[in-house]
Amino acid sequence: MIKPKFWKRIKAQSEMIFQSTFLKRMSQLERYEFLQLCHRRRFKAGEFVYHQGDPGTGFYMIEQGAVELLYQEEQTENAVQLTVLHAPECFGAFSVDYLVKRKASARCTTDTILYGFFISDYQTLGKRHPRIALRFLETLNVFATRQLDLVMSRMSQIDDETAGPETYALLFETYDIPSEESAKEKIS
């Protein structure tokens, strides 16, 4: 007999497959194969997923809970909250293909369940399913281009004193992406 806990996990994974903005460019089968390489981890409220300055080794998708991204300048003690992310959002994906240090810290604001996808997982995906690995990179490039456009737009709207390193950190750690429909409207 299948346990209810197993069904709950399958339901949560299915919701991730169908709702994730990052995975939406992949077919359902590609999403499923991708998630099979992800590592499901639980974090307690207040626990850090990673710290600013750590080597970027992978990205995370939120199944349940919330994660805040914090930026702290070197000479200060107070961290600035950049944003709070909720399921099914993701963060930190630039570190899968590019060796960059974390530009912000990620801390869980609630008990949280995350799926981690790391550089070694990407290498395995490339060997097992090259087409899915290529689709992943295509998706990453689309998000990177949109994110860069969004950050450049934000920076042009604020003065030089306000545009600081936290804007740069937000670029590398999140995907605050407008929908494709609103991006098309902006072009028109």
Foldseek 3Di string as FASTA:
>chain_A
DDDPVVVVVVVLLVCLLPPEPLNPLDDSVLSVVLLVLWDKDKDAAFDWPFAFQAKQFWKKFWSAAKKWWWADDPVDDDTDTLDMDGPGFMWQHVRLVDGDTQRTIIGTRHTTMMIIQGNVSLVVCCVPPVPSSVSSVVSVVVQLVQLVVVLVVVPVVDDPVPDDSSSVNCSRIGRPGDDPVVVVVVVD
